[in-house]
């Protein structure tokens, strides 16, 4: 990669970081992970990154279900029932 090309890449990365900082709300949850979210054109986008995961760490998965349910109002007024750990 030429020096000129590298400067273009660095400029693009900086522009992306600036835009990300403008639109993204990020919340760090101790011993859990991070939640990034933004809304645009009436749509909400949420990214949850846990510190641990896999099939052997079910407590995190249940916590993730809670976050998704509360964020997107799953189980409220749409025929589903919402309990602390499950949506039925």
N, C-alpha and C. Protein backbone atom coordinates (compact mmCIF):
# COMPACT_ATOMS: atom_id res chain seq x y z
N UNK A 1 0.85 -1.16 0.00
CA UNK A 1 0.00 0.00 0.00
C UNK A 1 0.90 1.23 0.00
N UNK A 2 0.57 2.16 -0.86
CA UNK A 2 1.39 3.37 -0.94
C UNK A 2 1.08 4.29 0.24
N UNK A 3 1.98 5.23 0.45
CA UNK A 3 1.77 6.20 1.54
C UNK A 3 0.50 7.02 1.29
N UNK A 4 0.25 7.36 0.04
CA UNK A 4 -0.97 8.12 -0.31
C UNK A 4 -2.22 7.30 0.00
N UNK A 5 -2.21 6.02 -0.38
CA UNK A 5 -3.35 5.15 -0.08
C UNK A 5 -3.58 5.02 1.43
N UNK A 6 -2.48 4.90 2.18
CA UNK A 6 -2.59 4.78 3.63
C UNK A 6 -3.20 6.04 4.24
N UNK A 7 -2.84 7.20 3.73
CA UNK A 7 -3.42 8.45 4.21
C UNK A 7 -4.92 8.50 3.94
N UNK A 8 -5.34 7.98 2.81
CA UNK A 8 -6.78 7.91 2.48
C UNK A 8 -7.49 7.00 3.48
N UNK A 9 -6.91 5.84 3.75
CA UNK A 9 -7.50 4.90 4.70
C UNK A 9 -7.61 5.54 6.08
N UNK A 10 -6.55 6.19 6.53
CA UNK A 10 -6.57 6.84 7.84
C UNK A 10 -7.65 7.93 7.90
N UNK A 11 -7.82 8.69 6.83
CA UNK A 11 -8.86 9.71 6.79
C UNK A 11 -10.25 9.11 6.86
N UNK A 12 -10.45 7.99 6.17
CA UNK A 12 -11.75 7.31 6.22
C UNK A 12 -12.03 6.77 7.61
N UNK A 13 -11.02 6.20 8.26
CA UNK A 13 -11.19 5.68 9.61
C UNK A 13 -11.54 6.80 10.58
N UNK A 14 -10.89 7.94 10.43
CA UNK A 14 -11.17 9.07 11.31
C UNK A 14 -12.59 9.58 11.10
N UNK A 15 -13.02 9.67 9.82
CA UNK A 15 -14.38 10.13 9.52
C UNK A 15 -15.41 9.18 10.11
N UNK A 16 -15.16 7.86 10.01
CA UNK A 16 -16.07 6.87 10.60
C UNK A 16 -16.16 7.02 12.11
N UNK A 17 -15.02 7.22 12.76
CA UNK A 17 -15.00 7.36 14.21
C UNK A 17 -15.75 8.61 14.66
N UNK A 18 -15.58 9.70 13.93
CA UNK A 18 -16.29 10.94 14.26
C UNK A 18 -17.80 10.74 14.13
N UNK A 19 -18.24 10.14 13.04
CA UNK A 19 -19.67 9.89 12.83
C UNK A 19 -20.21 8.93 13.89
N UNK A 20 -19.44 7.90 14.21
CA UNK A 20 -19.85 6.93 15.24
C UNK A 20 -20.05 7.63 16.58
N UNK A 21 -19.14 8.50 16.94
CA UNK A 21 -19.25 9.24 18.20
C UNK A 21 -20.45 10.18 18.22
N UNK A 22 -20.85 10.68 17.05
CA UNK A 22 -22.00 11.58 16.96
C UNK A 22 -23.32 10.85 17.16
N UNK A 23 -23.45 9.65 16.61
CA UNK A 23 -24.77 9.00 16.59
C UNK A 23 -24.93 7.86 17.59
N UNK A 24 -23.85 7.33 18.12
CA UNK A 24 -23.91 6.12 18.92
C UNK A 24 -23.94 6.42 20.41
N UNK A 25 -24.85 5.75 21.10
CA UNK A 25 -24.88 5.79 22.55
C UNK A 25 -24.33 4.46 23.05
N UNK A 26 -23.34 4.51 23.91
CA UNK A 26 -22.70 3.29 24.38
C UNK A 26 -22.78 3.23 25.90
N UNK A 27 -23.18 2.06 26.42
CA UNK A 27 -23.29 1.84 27.85
C UNK A 27 -22.48 0.61 28.22
N UNK A 28 -21.57 0.76 29.18
CA UNK A 28 -20.79 -0.37 29.66
C UNK A 28 -21.43 -0.90 30.94
N UNK A 29 -21.68 -2.20 30.97
CA UNK A 29 -22.26 -2.85 32.14
C UNK A 29 -21.18 -3.69 32.80
N UNK A 30 -20.82 -3.35 34.01
CA UNK A 30 -19.77 -4.05 34.75
C UNK A 30 -20.04 -5.55 34.80
N UNK A 31 -19.04 -6.33 34.51
CA UNK A 31 -19.10 -7.79 34.53
C UNK A 31 -20.10 -8.38 33.53
N UNK A 32 -20.53 -7.60 32.56
CA UNK A 32 -21.46 -8.10 31.56
C UNK A 32 -20.94 -7.84 30.15
N UNK A 33 -20.74 -6.56 29.81
CA UNK A 33 -20.32 -6.22 28.46
C UNK A 33 -20.70 -4.79 28.14
N UNK A 34 -21.03 -4.56 26.87
CA UNK A 34 -21.33 -3.21 26.40
C UNK A 34 -22.56 -3.25 25.49
N UNK A 35 -23.37 -2.20 25.58
CA UNK A 35 -24.54 -2.05 24.72
C UNK A 35 -24.34 -0.77 23.91
N UNK A 36 -24.34 -0.90 22.58
CA UNK A 36 -24.26 0.24 21.68
C UNK A 36 -25.60 0.36 20.98
N UNK A 37 -26.10 1.59 20.87
CA UNK A 37 -27.38 1.77 20.18
C UNK A 37 -27.47 3.12 19.50
N UNK A 38 -28.27 3.15 18.44
CA UNK A 38 -28.59 4.40 17.78
C UNK A 38 -29.93 4.25 17.07
N UNK A 39 -30.54 5.39 16.80
CA UNK A 39 -31.81 5.41 16.07
C UNK A 39 -31.64 6.31 14.86
N UNK A 40 -32.22 5.86 13.75
CA UNK A 40 -32.18 6.66 12.53
C UNK A 40 -33.37 6.28 11.67
N UNK A 41 -34.03 7.28 11.11
CA UNK A 41 -35.19 7.07 10.24
C UNK A 41 -36.26 6.21 10.92
N UNK A 42 -36.46 6.41 12.22
CA UNK A 42 -37.48 5.70 12.94
C UNK A 42 -37.13 4.27 13.31
N UNK A 43 -35.89 3.85 13.05
CA UNK A 43 -35.47 2.49 13.36
C UNK A 43 -34.42 2.52 14.46
N UNK A 44 -34.50 1.56 15.35
CA UNK A 44 -33.55 1.47 16.45
C UNK A 44 -32.64 0.27 16.21
N UNK A 45 -31.34 0.50 16.36
CA UNK A 45 -30.35 -0.56 16.18
C UNK A 45 -29.60 -0.72 17.49
N UNK A 46 -29.49 -1.96 17.98
CA UNK A 46 -28.82 -2.23 19.24
C UNK A 46 -27.82 -3.37 19.02
N UNK A 47 -26.59 -3.16 19.50
CA UNK A 47 -25.56 -4.19 19.47
C UNK A 47 -25.14 -4.46 20.90
N UNK A 48 -25.25 -5.72 21.32
CA UNK A 48 -24.84 -6.11 22.66
C UNK A 48 -23.61 -7.00 22.53
N UNK A 49 -22.53 -6.61 23.18
CA UNK A 49 -21.30 -7.42 23.20
C UNK A 49 -21.05 -7.84 24.63
N UNK A 50 -21.14 -9.14 24.87
CA UNK A 50 -20.91 -9.65 26.22
C UNK A 50 -19.44 -9.97 26.42
N UNK A 51 -19.01 -9.93 27.67
CA UNK A 51 -17.63 -10.26 28.00
C UNK A 51 -17.37 -11.76 27.89
N UNK A 52 -18.41 -12.56 28.12
CA UNK A 52 -18.30 -14.01 28.04
C UNK A 52 -19.51 -14.53 27.30
N UNK A 53 -19.41 -15.72 26.80
CA UNK A 53 -20.54 -16.27 26.08
C UNK A 53 -20.35 -17.75 25.84
N UNK A 54 -21.15 -18.29 24.98
CA UNK A 54 -21.09 -19.71 24.69
C UNK A 54 -22.16 -20.46 25.45
N UNK A 55 -22.24 -21.72 25.19
CA UNK A 55 -23.28 -22.55 25.79
C UNK A 55 -23.08 -22.80 27.28
N UNK A 56 -21.90 -22.52 27.76
CA UNK A 56 -21.62 -22.82 29.16
C UNK A 56 -21.82 -21.61 30.07
N UNK A 57 -22.39 -20.53 29.55
CA UNK A 57 -22.54 -19.32 30.35
C UNK A 57 -23.96 -18.79 30.21
N UNK A 58 -24.93 -19.57 30.66
CA UNK A 58 -26.34 -19.27 30.46
C UNK A 58 -26.81 -18.00 31.16
N UNK A 59 -26.19 -17.63 32.26
CA UNK A 59 -26.63 -16.42 32.97
C UNK A 59 -26.51 -15.19 32.08
N UNK A 60 -25.47 -15.11 31.28
CA UNK A 60 -25.30 -13.98 30.36
C UNK A 60 -26.39 -14.02 29.30
N UNK A 61 -26.68 -15.20 28.79
CA UNK A 61 -27.72 -15.31 27.76
C UNK A 61 -29.08 -14.88 28.30
N UNK A 62 -29.38 -15.23 29.54
CA UNK A 62 -30.65 -14.80 30.13
C UNK A 62 -30.66 -13.29 30.31
N UNK A 63 -29.55 -12.73 30.71
CA UNK A 63 -29.45 -11.27 30.83
C UNK A 63 -29.64 -10.60 29.48
N UNK A 64 -29.11 -11.20 28.44
CA UNK A 64 -29.27 -10.66 27.09
C UNK A 64 -30.73 -10.70 26.67
N UNK A 65 -31.43 -11.77 27.01
CA UNK A 65 -32.86 -11.85 26.70
C UNK A 65 -33.62 -10.73 27.40
N UNK A 66 -33.24 -10.43 28.62
CA UNK A 66 -33.88 -9.34 29.36
C UNK A 66 -33.67 -8.01 28.66
N UNK A 67 -32.44 -7.76 28.22
CA UNK A 67 -32.12 -6.51 27.53
C UNK A 67 -32.93 -6.39 26.25
N UNK A 68 -32.96 -7.44 25.46
CA UNK A 68 -33.71 -7.41 24.19
C UNK A 68 -35.20 -7.19 24.46
N UNK A 69 -35.74 -7.91 25.43
CA UNK A 69 -37.17 -7.77 25.75
C UNK A 69 -37.53 -6.36 26.17
N UNK A 70 -36.72 -5.76 27.02
CA UNK A 70 -37.01 -4.41 27.50
C UNK A 70 -36.78 -3.36 26.41
N UNK A 71 -35.74 -3.55 25.62
CA UNK A 71 -35.42 -2.58 24.58
C UNK A 71 -36.48 -2.52 23.50
N UNK A 72 -36.97 -3.68 23.09
CA UNK A 72 -37.91 -3.74 21.98
C UNK A 72 -39.34 -4.06 22.42
N UNK A 73 -39.62 -3.97 23.73
CA UNK A 73 -40.96 -4.17 24.28
C UNK A 73 -41.55 -5.50 23.85
N UNK A 74 -40.74 -6.53 23.84
CA UNK A 74 -41.22 -7.87 23.49
C UNK A 74 -42.08 -8.37 24.65
N UNK A 75 -43.24 -8.87 24.32
CA UNK A 75 -44.11 -9.45 25.32
C UNK A 75 -45.06 -8.47 25.97
N UNK A 76 -45.09 -7.25 25.51
CA UNK A 76 -45.98 -6.25 26.11
C UNK A 76 -47.08 -5.89 25.11
N UNK A 77 -48.27 -6.38 25.37
CA UNK A 77 -49.42 -6.00 24.56
C UNK A 77 -49.49 -6.67 23.21
N UNK A 78 -48.71 -7.71 22.98
CA UNK A 78 -48.76 -8.36 21.67
C UNK A 78 -49.08 -9.85 21.79
N UNK A 79 -49.77 -10.21 22.87
CA UNK A 79 -50.17 -11.59 23.06
C UNK A 79 -49.13 -12.45 23.76
N UNK A 80 -47.96 -11.91 24.00
CA UNK A 80 -46.91 -12.66 24.70
C UNK A 80 -46.95 -12.29 26.18
N UNK A 81 -46.44 -13.16 26.98
CA UNK A 81 -46.29 -12.83 28.40
C UNK A 81 -44.81 -12.71 28.70
N UNK A 82 -44.46 -11.75 29.52
CA UNK A 82 -43.07 -11.47 29.85
C UNK A 82 -42.82 -11.80 31.31
N UNK A 83 -41.89 -12.71 31.55
CA UNK A 83 -41.47 -12.97 32.92
C UNK A 83 -40.02 -12.51 33.03
N UNK A 84 -39.44 -12.67 34.20
CA UNK A 84 -38.10 -12.14 34.40
C UNK A 84 -37.08 -12.74 33.44
N UNK A 85 -37.20 -14.00 33.08
CA UNK A 85 -36.17 -14.63 32.26
C UNK A 85 -36.64 -15.19 30.94
N UNK A 86 -37.95 -15.18 30.67
CA UNK A 86 -38.41 -15.82 29.45
C UNK A 86 -39.52 -15.02 28.77
N UNK A 87 -39.66 -15.21 27.50
CA UNK A 87 -40.79 -14.69 26.73
C UNK A 87 -41.54 -15.89 26.24
N UNK A 88 -42.85 -15.94 26.52
CA UNK A 88 -43.65 -17.07 26.06
C UNK A 88 -44.80 -16.59 25.20
